[in-house]
């Protein structure tokens, strides 16, 4: 049985990768689970995350006058293409997705005024 150092919380939250290594990128995704040491997320497109280090933002709250994000810095520890997105009828249900596991080394809360809905 697999034992983990920290508890994982299954949360599906909007996420965007904003930097890969020294290069700025803008790739959207969604978290699958989060722990105090890292995050597992999926993305529709397979970004070039070969630089190892990444900066990503997790959207925590859209309510009220401020949108709250968790801005994180970490390293990619696993990158894999998920299954081909085929539905039971043989038609493509969704484009292939990419599964990314990244550490959570530093973080800060960021409030964006006027972005709430």
PDB file of N, CA and C in Angstrom:
ATOM      1  N   UNK A   1       0.839  -1.183   0.000  1.00  0.00           N
ATOM      2  CA  UNK A   1       0.000   0.000   0.000  1.00  0.00           C
ATOM      3  C   UNK A   1       0.887   1.252   0.000  1.00  0.00           C
ATOM      4  N   UNK A   2       0.521   2.212  -0.824  1.00  0.00           N
ATOM      5  CA  UNK A   2       1.309   3.432  -0.954  1.00  0.00           C
ATOM      6  C   UNK A   2       1.067   4.360   0.234  1.00  0.00           C
ATOM      7  N   UNK A   3       2.147   4.870   0.796  1.00  0.00           N
ATOM      8  CA  UNK A   3       2.038   5.818   1.901  1.00  0.00           C
ATOM      9  C   UNK A   3       2.627   7.146   1.482  1.00  0.00           C
ATOM     10  N   UNK A   4       1.922   8.209   1.765  1.00  0.00           N
ATOM     11  CA  UNK A   4       2.363   9.549   1.379  1.00  0.00           C
ATOM     12  C   UNK A   4       2.754  10.319   2.630  1.00  0.00           C
ATOM     13  N   UNK A   5       3.652  11.303   2.428  1.00  0.00           N
ATOM     14  CA  UNK A   5       4.101  12.130   3.550  1.00  0.00           C
ATOM     15  C   UNK A   5       3.035  13.124   3.978  1.00  0.00           C
ATOM     16  N   UNK A   6       2.256  13.631   3.014  1.00  0.00           N
ATOM     17  CA  UNK A   6       1.240  14.636   3.324  1.00  0.00           C
ATOM     18  C   UNK A   6      -0.104  14.230   2.752  1.00  0.00           C
ATOM     19  N   UNK A   7      -1.169  14.686   3.377  1.00  0.00           N
ATOM     20  CA  UNK A   7      -2.529  14.373   2.940  1.00  0.00           C
ATOM     21  C   UNK A   7      -2.861  15.139   1.668  1.00  0.00           C
ATOM     22  N   UNK A   8      -3.510  14.456   0.727  1.00  0.00           N
ATOM     23  CA  UNK A   8      -3.942  15.091  -0.514  1.00  0.00           C
ATOM     24  C   UNK A   8      -5.419  15.443  -0.413  1.00  0.00           C
ATOM     25  N   UNK A   9      -5.757  16.592  -0.974  1.00  0.00           N
ATOM     26  CA  UNK A   9      -7.139  17.045  -0.996  1.00  0.00           C
ATOM     27  C   UNK A   9      -7.601  17.084  -2.445  1.00  0.00           C
ATOM     28  N   UNK A  10      -8.668  16.375  -2.748  1.00  0.00           N
ATOM     29  CA  UNK A  10      -9.197  16.312  -4.103  1.00  0.00           C
ATOM     30  C   UNK A  10      -9.979  17.591  -4.377  1.00  0.00           C
ATOM     31  N   UNK A  11      -9.363  18.513  -5.100  1.00  0.00           N
ATOM     32  CA  UNK A  11      -9.974  19.800  -5.425  1.00  0.00           C
ATOM     33  C   UNK A  11      -9.806  20.073  -6.910  1.00  0.00           C
ATOM     34  N   UNK A  12     -10.903  20.396  -7.574  1.00  0.00           N
ATOM     35  CA  UNK A  12     -10.855  20.774  -8.980  1.00  0.00           C
ATOM     36  C   UNK A  12     -10.996  22.296  -9.050  1.00  0.00           C
ATOM     37  N   UNK A  13      -9.875  22.965  -9.241  1.00  0.00           N
ATOM     38  CA  UNK A  13      -9.828  24.423  -9.291  1.00  0.00           C
ATOM     39  C   UNK A  13      -9.135  24.873 -10.575  1.00  0.00           C
ATOM     40  N   UNK A  14      -9.539  26.014 -11.129  1.00  0.00           N
ATOM     41  CA  UNK A  14      -8.847  26.536 -12.309  1.00  0.00           C
ATOM     42  C   UNK A  14      -7.387  26.844 -11.979  1.00  0.00           C
ATOM     43  N   UNK A  15      -6.517  26.530 -12.910  1.00  0.00           N
ATOM     44  CA  UNK A  15      -5.082  26.719 -12.735  1.00  0.00           C
ATOM     45  C   UNK A  15      -4.510  27.230 -14.053  1.00  0.00           C
ATOM     46  N   UNK A  16      -3.497  28.065 -13.970  1.00  0.00           N
ATOM     47  CA  UNK A  16      -2.782  28.461 -15.181  1.00  0.00           C
ATOM     48  C   UNK A  16      -1.290  28.467 -14.907  1.00  0.00           C
ATOM     49  N   UNK A  17      -0.541  27.886 -15.830  1.00  0.00           N
ATOM     50  CA  UNK A  17       0.917  27.917 -15.758  1.00  0.00           C
ATOM     51  C   UNK A  17       1.337  29.229 -16.398  1.00  0.00           C
ATOM     52  N   UNK A  18       2.101  30.036 -15.671  1.00  0.00           N
ATOM     53  CA  UNK A  18       2.479  31.349 -16.189  1.00  0.00           C
ATOM     54  C   UNK A  18       3.967  31.456 -16.531  1.00  0.00           C
ATOM     55  N   UNK A  19       4.763  30.512 -16.050  1.00  0.00           N
ATOM     56  CA  UNK A  19       6.192  30.542 -16.378  1.00  0.00           C
ATOM     57  C   UNK A  19       6.726  29.115 -16.333  1.00  0.00           C
ATOM     58  N   UNK A  20       7.534  28.782 -17.342  1.00  0.00           N
ATOM     59  CA  UNK A  20       8.215  27.493 -17.390  1.00  0.00           C
ATOM     60  C   UNK A  20       9.694  27.784 -17.540  1.00  0.00           C
ATOM     61  N   UNK A  21      10.471  27.492 -16.508  1.00  0.00           N
ATOM     62  CA  UNK A  21      11.879  27.878 -16.514  1.00  0.00           C
ATOM     63  C   UNK A  21      11.960  29.395 -16.563  1.00  0.00           C
ATOM     64  N   UNK A  22      12.670  29.950 -17.528  1.00  0.00           N
ATOM     65  CA  UNK A  22      12.786  31.405 -17.662  1.00  0.00           C
ATOM     66  C   UNK A  22      11.784  31.968 -18.668  1.00  0.00           C
ATOM     67  N   UNK A  23      11.006  31.084 -19.309  1.00  0.00           N
ATOM     68  CA  UNK A  23      10.092  31.509 -20.366  1.00  0.00           C
ATOM     69  C   UNK A  23       8.665  31.712 -19.853  1.00  0.00           C
ATOM     70  N   UNK A  24       8.054  32.865 -20.239  1.00  0.00           N
ATOM     71  CA  UNK A  24       6.665  33.121 -19.880  1.00  0.00           C
ATOM     72  C   UNK A  24       5.756  32.308 -20.788  1.00  0.00           C
ATOM     73  N   UNK A  25       4.764  31.666 -20.194  1.00  0.00           N
ATOM     74  CA  UNK A  25       3.782  30.890 -20.950  1.00  0.00           C
ATOM     75  C   UNK A  25       2.399  31.226 -20.406  1.00  0.00           C
ATOM     76  N   UNK A  26       1.388  30.808 -21.100  1.00  0.00           N
ATOM     77  CA  UNK A  26       0.010  31.000 -20.634  1.00  0.00           C
ATOM     78  C   UNK A  26      -0.772  29.769 -21.048  1.00  0.00           C
ATOM     79  N   UNK A  27      -0.820  28.782 -20.158  1.00  0.00           N
ATOM     80  CA  UNK A  27      -1.505  27.529 -20.441  1.00  0.00           C
ATOM     81  C   UNK A  27      -2.488  27.252 -19.314  1.00  0.00           C
ATOM     82  N   UNK A  28      -3.751  27.040 -19.672  1.00  0.00           N
ATOM     83  CA  UNK A  28      -4.791  26.795 -18.670  1.00  0.00           C
ATOM     84  C   UNK A  28      -4.885  25.317 -18.325  1.00  0.00           C
ATOM     85  N   UNK A  29      -5.325  25.068 -17.094  1.00  0.00           N
ATOM     86  CA  UNK A  29      -5.514  23.702 -16.638  1.00  0.00           C
ATOM     87  C   UNK A  29      -6.478  23.655 -15.478  1.00  0.00           C
ATOM     88  N   UNK A  30      -6.539  22.494 -14.821  1.00  0.00           N
ATOM     89  CA  UNK A  30      -7.431  22.306 -13.682  1.00  0.00           C
ATOM     90  C   UNK A  30      -6.749  21.368 -12.702  1.00  0.00           C
ATOM     91  N   UNK A  31      -6.792  21.722 -11.420  1.00  0.00           N
ATOM     92  CA  UNK A  31      -6.171  20.857 -10.409  1.00  0.00           C
ATOM     93  C   UNK A  31      -6.971  19.573 -10.258  1.00  0.00           C
ATOM     94  N   UNK A  32      -6.288  18.524  -9.895  1.00  0.00           N
ATOM     95  CA  UNK A  32      -6.927  17.245  -9.578  1.00  0.00           C
ATOM     96  C   UNK A  32      -6.853  17.019  -8.074  1.00  0.00           C
ATOM     97  N   UNK A  33      -5.661  17.225  -7.517  1.00  0.00           N
ATOM     98  CA  UNK A  33      -5.507  17.170  -6.064  1.00  0.00           C
ATOM     99  C   UNK A  33      -4.336  18.050  -5.644  1.00  0.00           C
ATOM    100  N   UNK A  34      -4.406  18.463  -4.370  1.00  0.00           N
ATOM    101  CA  UNK A  34      -3.419  19.385  -3.818  1.00  0.00           C
ATOM    102  C   UNK A  34      -2.995  18.886  -2.443  1.00  0.00           C
ATOM    103  N   UNK A  35      -1.706  19.025  -2.136  1.00  0.00           N
ATOM    104  CA  UNK A  35      -1.210  18.744  -0.790  1.00  0.00           C
ATOM    105  C   UNK A  35      -0.319  19.910  -0.389  1.00  0.00           C
ATOM    106  N   UNK A  36       0.207  19.857   0.816  1.00  0.00           N
ATOM    107  CA  UNK A  36       1.092  20.936   1.261  1.00  0.00           C
ATOM    108  C   UNK A  36       2.431  20.918   0.534  1.00  0.00           C
ATOM    109  N   UNK A  37       2.742  19.820  -0.166  1.00  0.00           N
ATOM    110  CA  UNK A  37       4.028  19.735  -0.852  1.00  0.00           C
ATOM    111  C   UNK A  37       3.924  19.740  -2.374  1.00  0.00           C
ATOM    112  N   UNK A  38       2.698  19.708  -2.921  1.00  0.00           N
ATOM    113  CA  UNK A  38       2.599  19.701  -4.374  1.00  0.00           C
ATOM    114  C   UNK A  38       1.177  19.681  -4.882  1.00  0.00           C
ATOM    115  N   UNK A  39       1.075  19.652  -6.208  1.00  0.00           N
ATOM    116  CA  UNK A  39      -0.222  19.667  -6.870  1.00  0.00           C
ATOM    117  C   UNK A  39      -0.164  18.755  -8.095  1.00  0.00           C
ATOM    118  N   UNK A  40      -1.281  18.092  -8.367  1.00  0.00           N
ATOM    119  CA  UNK A  40      -1.441  17.289  -9.568  1.00  0.00           C
ATOM    120  C   UNK A  40      -2.511  17.984 -10.391  1.00  0.00           C
ATOM    121  N   UNK A  41      -2.213  18.276 -11.667  1.00  0.00           N
ATOM    122  CA  UNK A  41      -3.193  18.970 -12.488  1.00  0.00           C
ATOM    123  C   UNK A  41      -3.187  18.453 -13.916  1.00  0.00           C
ATOM    124  N   UNK A  42      -4.274  18.727 -14.636  1.00  0.00           N
ATOM    125  CA  UNK A  42      -4.399  18.338 -16.032  1.00  0.00           C
ATOM    126  C   UNK A  42      -4.473  19.586 -16.899  1.00  0.00           C
ATOM    127  N   UNK A  43      -4.032  19.421 -18.136  1.00  0.00           N
ATOM    128  CA  UNK A  43      -4.069  20.509 -19.105  1.00  0.00           C
ATOM    129  C   UNK A  43      -4.534  19.927 -20.434  1.00  0.00           C
ATOM    130  N   UNK A  44      -5.272  20.714 -21.207  1.00  0.00           N
ATOM    131  CA  UNK A  44      -5.748  20.272 -22.515  1.00  0.00           C
ATOM    132  C   UNK A  44      -4.580  20.150 -23.495  1.00  0.00           C
ATOM    133  N   UNK A  45      -3.648  21.087 -23.442  1.00  0.00           N
ATOM    134  CA  UNK A  45      -2.490  21.080 -24.337  1.00  0.00           C
ATOM    135  C   UNK A  45      -1.272  20.601 -23.569  1.00  0.00           C
ATOM    136  N   UNK A  46      -0.329  20.035 -24.271  1.00  0.00           N
ATOM    137  CA  UNK A  46       0.902  19.590 -23.620  1.00  0.00           C
ATOM    138  C   UNK A  46       1.950  20.687 -23.754  1.00  0.00           C
ATOM    139  N   UNK A  47       2.186  21.421 -22.677  1.00  0.00           N
ATOM    140  CA  UNK A  47       3.149  22.518 -22.745  1.00  0.00           C
ATOM    141  C   UNK A  47       4.584  22.000 -22.675  1.00  0.00           C
ATOM    142  N   UNK A  48       5.522  22.845 -23.041  1.00  0.00           N
ATOM    143  CA  UNK A  48       6.934  22.505 -22.895  1.00  0.00           C
ATOM    144  C   UNK A  48       7.352  22.889 -21.480  1.00  0.00           C
ATOM    145  N   UNK A  49       7.353  21.915 -20.600  1.00  0.00           N
ATOM    146  CA  UNK A  49       7.729  22.150 -19.202  1.00  0.00           C
ATOM    147  C   UNK A  49       9.064  21.483 -18.899  1.00  0.00           C
ATOM    148  N   UNK A  50       9.883  21.337 -19.909  1.00  0.00           N
ATOM    149  CA  UNK A  50      11.150  20.628 -19.767  1.00  0.00           C
ATOM    150  C   UNK A  50      12.161  21.374 -18.906  1.00  0.00           C
ATOM    151  N   UNK A  51      11.931  22.675 -18.656  1.00  0.00           N
ATOM    152  CA  UNK A  51      12.853  23.453 -17.841  1.00  0.00           C
ATOM    153  C   UNK A  51      12.863  23.030 -16.385  1.00  0.00           C
ATOM    154  N   UNK A  52      11.868  22.229 -15.974  1.00  0.00           N
ATOM    155  CA  UNK A  52      11.825  21.758 -14.595  1.00  0.00           C
ATOM    156  C   UNK A  52      11.076  22.688 -13.673  1.00  0.00           C
ATOM    157  N   UNK A  53      11.526  23.944 -13.550  1.00  0.00           N
ATOM    158  CA  UNK A  53      10.852  24.860 -12.633  1.00  0.00           C
ATOM    159  C   UNK A  53       9.673  25.525 -13.336  1.00  0.00           C
ATOM    160  N   UNK A  54       8.578  25.733 -12.567  1.00  0.00           N
ATOM    161  CA  UNK A  54       7.401  26.400 -13.115  1.00  0.00           C
ATOM    162  C   UNK A  54       6.814  27.350 -12.080  1.00  0.00           C
ATOM    163  N   UNK A  55       6.048  28.293 -12.580  1.00  0.00           N
ATOM    164  CA  UNK A  55       5.260  29.186 -11.739  1.00  0.00           C
ATOM    165  C   UNK A  55       3.825  29.012 -12.201  1.00  0.00           C
ATOM    166  N   UNK A  56       2.923  28.806 -11.264  1.00  0.00           N
ATOM    167  CA  UNK A  56       1.528  28.586 -11.625  1.00  0.00           C
ATOM    168  C   UNK A  56       0.608  29.274 -10.626  1.00  0.00           C
ATOM    169  N   UNK A  57      -0.602  29.591 -11.105  1.00  0.00           N
ATOM    170  CA  UNK A  57      -1.604  30.283 -10.280  1.00  0.00           C
ATOM    171  C   UNK A  57      -2.829  29.382 -10.167  1.00  0.00           C
ATOM    172  N   UNK A  58      -3.298  29.201  -8.944  1.00  0.00           N
ATOM    173  CA  UNK A  58      -4.519  28.444  -8.688  1.00  0.00           C
ATOM    174  C   UNK A  58      -5.588  29.434  -8.254  1.00  0.00           C
ATOM    175  N   UNK A  59      -6.710  29.433  -8.935  1.00  0.00           N
ATOM    176  CA  UNK A  59      -7.798  30.353  -8.596  1.00  0.00           C
ATOM    177  C   UNK A  59      -8.601  29.756  -7.445  1.00  0.00           C
ATOM    178  N   UNK A  60      -8.614  30.454  -6.317  1.00  0.00           N
ATOM    179  CA  UNK A  60      -9.291  29.948  -5.128  1.00  0.00           C
ATOM    180  C   UNK A  60     -10.705  30.484  -4.971  1.00  0.00           C
ATOM    181  N   UNK A  61     -10.923  31.728  -5.380  1.00  0.00           N
ATOM    182  CA  UNK A  61     -12.216  32.364  -5.115  1.00  0.00           C
ATOM    183  C   UNK A  61     -12.523  33.405  -6.180  1.00  0.00           C
ATOM    184  N   UNK A  62     -13.726  33.365  -6.725  1.00  0.00           N
ATOM    185  CA  UNK A  62     -14.166  34.367  -7.705  1.00  0.00           C
ATOM    186  C   UNK A  62     -15.259  35.258  -7.134  1.00  0.00           C
ATOM    187  N   UNK A  63     -15.639  35.052  -5.927  1.00  0.00           N
ATOM    188  CA  UNK A  63     -16.769  35.765  -5.339  1.00  0.00           C
ATOM    189  C   UNK A  63     -16.326  37.110  -4.766  1.00  0.00           C
ATOM    190  N   UNK A  64     -17.256  38.054  -4.728  1.00  0.00           N
ATOM    191  CA  UNK A  64     -16.972  39.346  -4.118  1.00  0.00           C
ATOM    192  C   UNK A  64     -16.194  40.273  -5.032  1.00  0.00           C
ATOM    193  N   UNK A  65     -15.615  41.281  -4.432  1.00  0.00           N
ATOM    194  CA  UNK A  65     -14.920  42.330  -5.180  1.00  0.00           C
ATOM    195  C   UNK A  65     -13.517  41.907  -5.630  1.00  0.00           C
ATOM    196  N   UNK A  66     -12.978  40.841  -5.051  1.00  0.00           N
ATOM    197  CA  UNK A  66     -11.616  40.408  -5.363  1.00  0.00           C
ATOM    198  C   UNK A  66     -11.598  38.933  -5.729  1.00  0.00           C
ATOM    199  N   UNK A  67     -10.834  38.603  -6.758  1.00  0.00           N
ATOM    200  CA  UNK A  67     -10.554  37.206  -7.056  1.00  0.00           C
ATOM    201  C   UNK A  67      -9.272  36.858  -6.308  1.00  0.00           C
ATOM    202  N   UNK A  68      -9.256  35.725  -5.611  1.00  0.00           N
ATOM    203  CA  UNK A  68      -8.086  35.314  -4.840  1.00  0.00           C
ATOM    204  C   UNK A  68      -7.396  34.153  -5.554  1.00  0.00           C
ATOM    205  N   UNK A  69      -6.094  34.323  -5.786  1.00  0.00           N
ATOM    206  CA  UNK A  69      -5.278  33.295  -6.412  1.00  0.00           C
ATOM    207  C   UNK A  69      -4.171  32.877  -5.452  1.00  0.00           C
ATOM    208  N   UNK A  70      -3.712  31.658  -5.619  1.00  0.00           N
ATOM    209  CA  UNK A  70      -2.534  31.172  -4.925  1.00  0.00           C
ATOM    210  C   UNK A  70      -1.439  31.083  -5.990  1.00  0.00           C
ATOM    211  N   UNK A  71      -0.444  31.946  -5.877  1.00  0.00           N
ATOM    212  CA  UNK A  71       0.663  31.980  -6.833  1.00  0.00           C
ATOM    213  C   UNK A  71       1.760  31.077  -6.303  1.00  0.00           C
ATOM    214  N   UNK A  72       2.138  30.059  -7.074  1.00  0.00           N
ATOM    215  CA  UNK A  72       3.050  29.016  -6.601  1.00  0.00           C
ATOM    216  C   UNK A  72       4.281  28.899  -7.489  1.00  0.00           C
ATOM    217  N   UNK A  73       5.378  28.511  -6.870  1.00  0.00           N
ATOM    218  CA  UNK A  73       6.611  28.213  -7.575  1.00  0.00           C
ATOM    219  C   UNK A  73       7.014  26.806  -7.174  1.00  0.00           C
ATOM    220  N   UNK A  74       7.376  25.993  -8.160  1.00  0.00           N
ATOM    221  CA  UNK A  74       7.769  24.622  -7.875  1.00  0.00           C
ATOM    222  C   UNK A  74       8.544  24.027  -9.027  1.00  0.00           C
ATOM    223  N   UNK A  75       8.644  22.707  -9.009  1.00  0.00           N
ATOM    224  CA  UNK A  75       9.347  21.975 -10.060  1.00  0.00           C
ATOM    225  C   UNK A  75       8.447  20.865 -10.570  1.00  0.00           C
ATOM    226  N   UNK A  76       8.525  20.616 -11.863  1.00  0.00           N
ATOM    227  CA  UNK A  76       7.782  19.514 -12.468  1.00  0.00           C
ATOM    228  C   UNK A  76       8.493  18.221 -12.085  1.00  0.00           C
ATOM    229  N   UNK A  77       7.749  17.290 -11.476  1.00  0.00           N
ATOM    230  CA  UNK A  77       8.343  16.013 -11.095  1.00  0.00           C
ATOM    231  C   UNK A  77       7.819  14.866 -11.954  1.00  0.00           C
ATOM    232  N   UNK A  78       6.687  15.111 -12.648  1.00  0.00           N
ATOM    233  CA  UNK A  78       6.141  14.091 -13.552  1.00  0.00           C
ATOM    234  C   UNK A  78       5.299  14.779 -14.607  1.00  0.00           C
ATOM    235  N   UNK A  79       5.402  14.296 -15.830  1.00  0.00           N
ATOM    236  CA  UNK A  79       4.637  14.831 -16.945  1.00  0.00           C
ATOM    237  C   UNK A  79       4.255  13.657 -17.827  1.00  0.00           C
ATOM    238  N   UNK A  80       2.959  13.418 -17.989  1.00  0.00           N
ATOM    239  CA  UNK A  80       2.554  12.301 -18.836  1.00  0.00           C
ATOM    240  C   UNK A  80       1.284  12.646 -19.605  1.00  0.00           C
ATOM    241  N   UNK A  81       1.222  12.149 -20.807  1.00  0.00           N
ATOM    242  CA  UNK A  81       0.042  12.330 -21.645  1.00  0.00           C
ATOM    243  C   UNK A  81      -0.986  11.311 -21.184  1.00  0.00           C
ATOM    244  N   UNK A  82      -2.227  11.756 -20.981  1.00  0.00           N
ATOM    245  CA  UNK A  82      -3.276  10.825 -20.568  1.00  0.00           C
ATOM    246  C   UNK A  82      -3.796  10.084 -21.787  1.00  0.00           C
ATOM    247  N   UNK A  83      -4.775   9.229 -21.597  1.00  0.00           N
ATOM    248  CA  UNK A  83      -5.328   8.442 -22.695  1.00  0.00           C
ATOM    249  C   UNK A  83      -5.842   9.340 -23.796  1.00  0.00           C
ATOM    250  N   UNK A  84      -6.135   8.777 -24.931  1.00  0.00           N
ATOM    251  CA  UNK A  84      -6.426   9.566 -26.120  1.00  0.00           C
ATOM    252  C   UNK A  84      -7.798  10.222 -26.160  1.00  0.00           C
ATOM    253  N   UNK A  85      -8.582  10.172 -25.084  1.00  0.00           N
ATOM    254  CA  UNK A  85      -9.844  10.886 -25.051  1.00  0.00           C
ATOM    255  C   UNK A  85     -10.938  10.254 -25.893  1.00  0.00           C
ATOM    256  N   UNK A  86     -10.846   8.951 -26.197  1.00  0.00           N
ATOM    257  CA  UNK A  86     -11.856   8.303 -27.016  1.00  0.00           C
ATOM    258  C   UNK A  86     -13.084   7.960 -26.181  1.00  0.00           C
ATOM    259  N   UNK A  87     -14.254   8.275 -26.711  1.00  0.00           N
ATOM    260  CA  UNK A  87     -15.517   7.944 -26.058  1.00  0.00           C
ATOM    261  C   UNK A  87     -15.859   6.487 -26.359  1.00  0.00           C
ATOM    262  N   UNK A  88     -16.889   5.946 -25.686  1.00  0.00           N
ATOM    263  CA  UNK A  88     -17.291   4.559 -25.871  1.00  0.00           C
ATOM    264  C   UNK A  88     -17.695   4.269 -27.320  1.00  0.00           C
ATOM    265  N   UNK A  89     -18.234   5.259 -28.034  1.00  0.00           N
ATOM    266  CA  UNK A  89     -18.669   5.060 -29.414  1.00  0.00           C
ATOM    267  C   UNK A  89     -17.521   5.191 -30.417  1.00  0.00           C
ATOM    268  N   UNK A  90     -16.303   5.364 -29.959  1.00  0.00           N
ATOM    269  CA  UNK A  90     -15.157   5.468 -30.836  1.00  0.00           C
ATOM    270  C   UNK A  90     -14.864   6.881 -31.311  1.00  0.00           C
ATOM    271  N   UNK A  91     -15.744   7.820 -31.005  1.00  0.00           N
ATOM    272  CA  UNK A  91     -15.534   9.217 -31.379  1.00  0.00           C
ATOM    273  C   UNK A  91     -14.648   9.879 -30.334  1.00  0.00           C
ATOM    274  N   UNK A  92     -13.925  10.896 -30.737  1.00  0.00           N
ATOM    275  CA  UNK A  92     -13.080  11.615 -29.795  1.00  0.00           C
ATOM    276  C   UNK A  92     -13.949  12.472 -28.887  1.00  0.00           C
ATOM    277  N   UNK A  93     -13.898  12.209 -27.580  1.00  0.00           N
ATOM    278  CA  UNK A  93     -14.711  12.942 -26.606  1.00  0.00           C
ATOM    279  C   UNK A  93     -14.051  14.269 -26.263  1.00  0.00           C
ATOM    280  N   UNK A  94     -12.799  14.242 -25.984  1.00  0.00           N
ATOM    281  CA  UNK A  94     -12.022  15.418 -25.612  1.00  0.00           C
ATOM    282  C   UNK A  94     -10.640  15.292 -26.227  1.00  0.00           C
ATOM    283  N   UNK A  95      -9.961  16.412 -26.432  1.00  0.00           N
ATOM    284  CA  UNK A  95      -8.590  16.301 -26.927  1.00  0.00           C
ATOM    285  C   UNK A  95      -7.711  15.642 -25.865  1.00  0.00           C
ATOM    286  N   UNK A  96      -6.590  15.072 -26.271  1.00  0.00           N
ATOM    287  CA  UNK A  96      -5.700  14.463 -25.284  1.00  0.00           C
ATOM    288  C   UNK A  96      -5.303  15.477 -24.220  1.00  0.00           C
ATOM    289  N   UNK A  97      -5.220  15.011 -23.025  1.00  0.00           N
ATOM    290  CA  UNK A  97      -4.838  15.885 -21.922  1.00  0.00           C
ATOM    291  C   UNK A  97      -3.460  15.473 -21.413  1.00  0.00           C
ATOM    292  N   UNK A  98      -2.839  16.384 -20.714  1.00  0.00           N
ATOM    293  CA  UNK A  98      -1.529  16.153 -20.139  1.00  0.00           C
ATOM    294  C   UNK A  98      -1.672  16.206 -18.617  1.00  0.00           C
ATOM    295  N   UNK A  99      -1.094  15.250 -17.936  1.00  0.00           N
ATOM    296  CA  UNK A  99      -1.126  15.190 -16.481  1.00  0.00           C
ATOM    297  C   UNK A  99       0.236  15.663 -15.963  1.00  0.00           C
ATOM    298  N   UNK A 100       0.209  16.636 -15.047  1.00  0.00           N
ATOM    299  CA  UNK A 100       1.447  17.225 -14.535  1.00  0.00           C
ATOM    300  C   UNK A 100       1.454  17.151 -13.011  1.00  0.00           C
ATOM    301  N   UNK A 101       2.534  16.652 -12.441  1.00  0.00           N
ATOM    302  CA  UNK A 101       2.737  16.675 -10.992  1.00  0.00           C
ATOM    303  C   UNK A 101       3.871  17.665 -10.733  1.00  0.00           C
ATOM    304  N   UNK A 102       3.598  18.636  -9.848  1.00  0.00           N
ATOM    305  CA  UNK A 102       4.604  19.664  -9.546  1.00  0.00           C
ATOM    306  C   UNK A 102       4.698  19.867  -8.042  1.00  0.00           C
ATOM    307  N   UNK A 103       5.891  20.202  -7.595  1.00  0.00           N
ATOM    308  CA  UNK A 103       6.090  20.511  -6.180  1.00  0.00           C
ATOM    309  C   UNK A 103       5.520  21.897  -5.882  1.00  0.00           C
ATOM    310  N   UNK A 104       5.340  22.159  -4.623  1.00  0.00           N
ATOM    311  CA  UNK A 104       4.881  23.463  -4.144  1.00  0.00           C
ATOM    312  C   UNK A 104       5.945  23.951  -3.160  1.00  0.00           C
ATOM    313  N   UNK A 105       6.920  24.696  -3.689  1.00  0.00           N
ATOM    314  CA  UNK A 105       8.061  25.121  -2.877  1.00  0.00           C
ATOM    315  C   UNK A 105       7.859  26.471  -2.218  1.00  0.00           C
ATOM    316  N   UNK A 106       7.209  27.397  -2.954  1.00  0.00           N
ATOM    317  CA  UNK A 106       6.891  28.723  -2.410  1.00  0.00           C
ATOM    318  C   UNK A 106       5.523  29.111  -2.906  1.00  0.00           C
ATOM    319  N   UNK A 107       4.819  29.912  -2.097  1.00  0.00           N
ATOM    320  CA  UNK A 107       3.506  30.383  -2.541  1.00  0.00           C
ATOM    321  C   UNK A 107       3.184  31.711  -1.887  1.00  0.00           C
ATOM    322  N   UNK A 108       2.249  32.424  -2.502  1.00  0.00           N
ATOM    323  CA  UNK A 108       1.728  33.654  -1.922  1.00  0.00           C
ATOM    324  C   UNK A 108       0.296  33.835  -2.403  1.00  0.00           C
ATOM    325  N   UNK A 109      -0.527  34.465  -1.561  1.00  0.00           N
ATOM    326  CA  UNK A 109      -1.889  34.776  -1.949  1.00  0.00           C
ATOM    327  C   UNK A 109      -1.879  36.087  -2.708  1.00  0.00           C
ATOM    328  N   UNK A 110      -2.646  36.137  -3.805  1.00  0.00           N
ATOM    329  CA  UNK A 110      -2.725  37.325  -4.643  1.00  0.00           C
ATOM    330  C   UNK A 110      -4.195  37.688  -4.811  1.00  0.00           C
ATOM    331  N   UNK A 111      -4.521  38.932  -4.509  1.00  0.00           N
ATOM    332  CA  UNK A 111      -5.893  39.439  -4.718  1.00  0.00           C
ATOM    333  C   UNK A 111      -5.892  40.322  -5.950  1.00  0.00           C
ATOM    334  N   UNK A 112      -6.859  40.084  -6.825  1.00  0.00           N
ATOM    335  CA  UNK A 112      -6.988  40.876  -8.031  1.00  0.00           C
ATOM    336  C   UNK A 112      -8.285  41.652  -7.927  1.00  0.00           C
ATOM    337  N   UNK A 113      -8.179  42.975  -7.731  1.00  0.00           N
ATOM    338  CA  UNK A 113      -9.350  43.828  -7.539  1.00  0.00           C
ATOM    339  C   UNK A 113     -10.179  43.914  -8.812  1.00  0.00           C
ATOM    340  N   UNK A 114     -11.482  43.893  -8.609  1.00  0.00           N
ATOM    341  CA  UNK A 114     -12.415  44.082  -9.717  1.00  0.00           C
ATOM    342  C   UNK A 114     -12.547  42.889 -10.620  1.00  0.00           C
ATOM    343  N   UNK A 115     -11.938  41.765 -10.289  1.00  0.00           N
ATOM    344  CA  UNK A 115     -12.006  40.592 -11.161  1.00  0.00           C
ATOM    345  C   UNK A 115     -13.135  39.649 -10.751  1.00  0.00           C
ATOM    346  N   UNK A 116     -13.776  39.895  -9.622  1.00  0.00           N
ATOM    347  CA  UNK A 116     -14.864  39.023  -9.172  1.00  0.00           C
ATOM    348  C   UNK A 116     -16.057  39.117 -10.090  1.00  0.00           C
ATOM    349  N   UNK A 117     -16.925  38.105 -10.018  1.00  0.00           N
ATOM    350  CA  UNK A 117     -18.118  38.079 -10.882  1.00  0.00           C
ATOM    351  C   UNK A 117     -19.369  38.157 -10.084  1.00  0.00           C
TER     352      UNK A 117
END
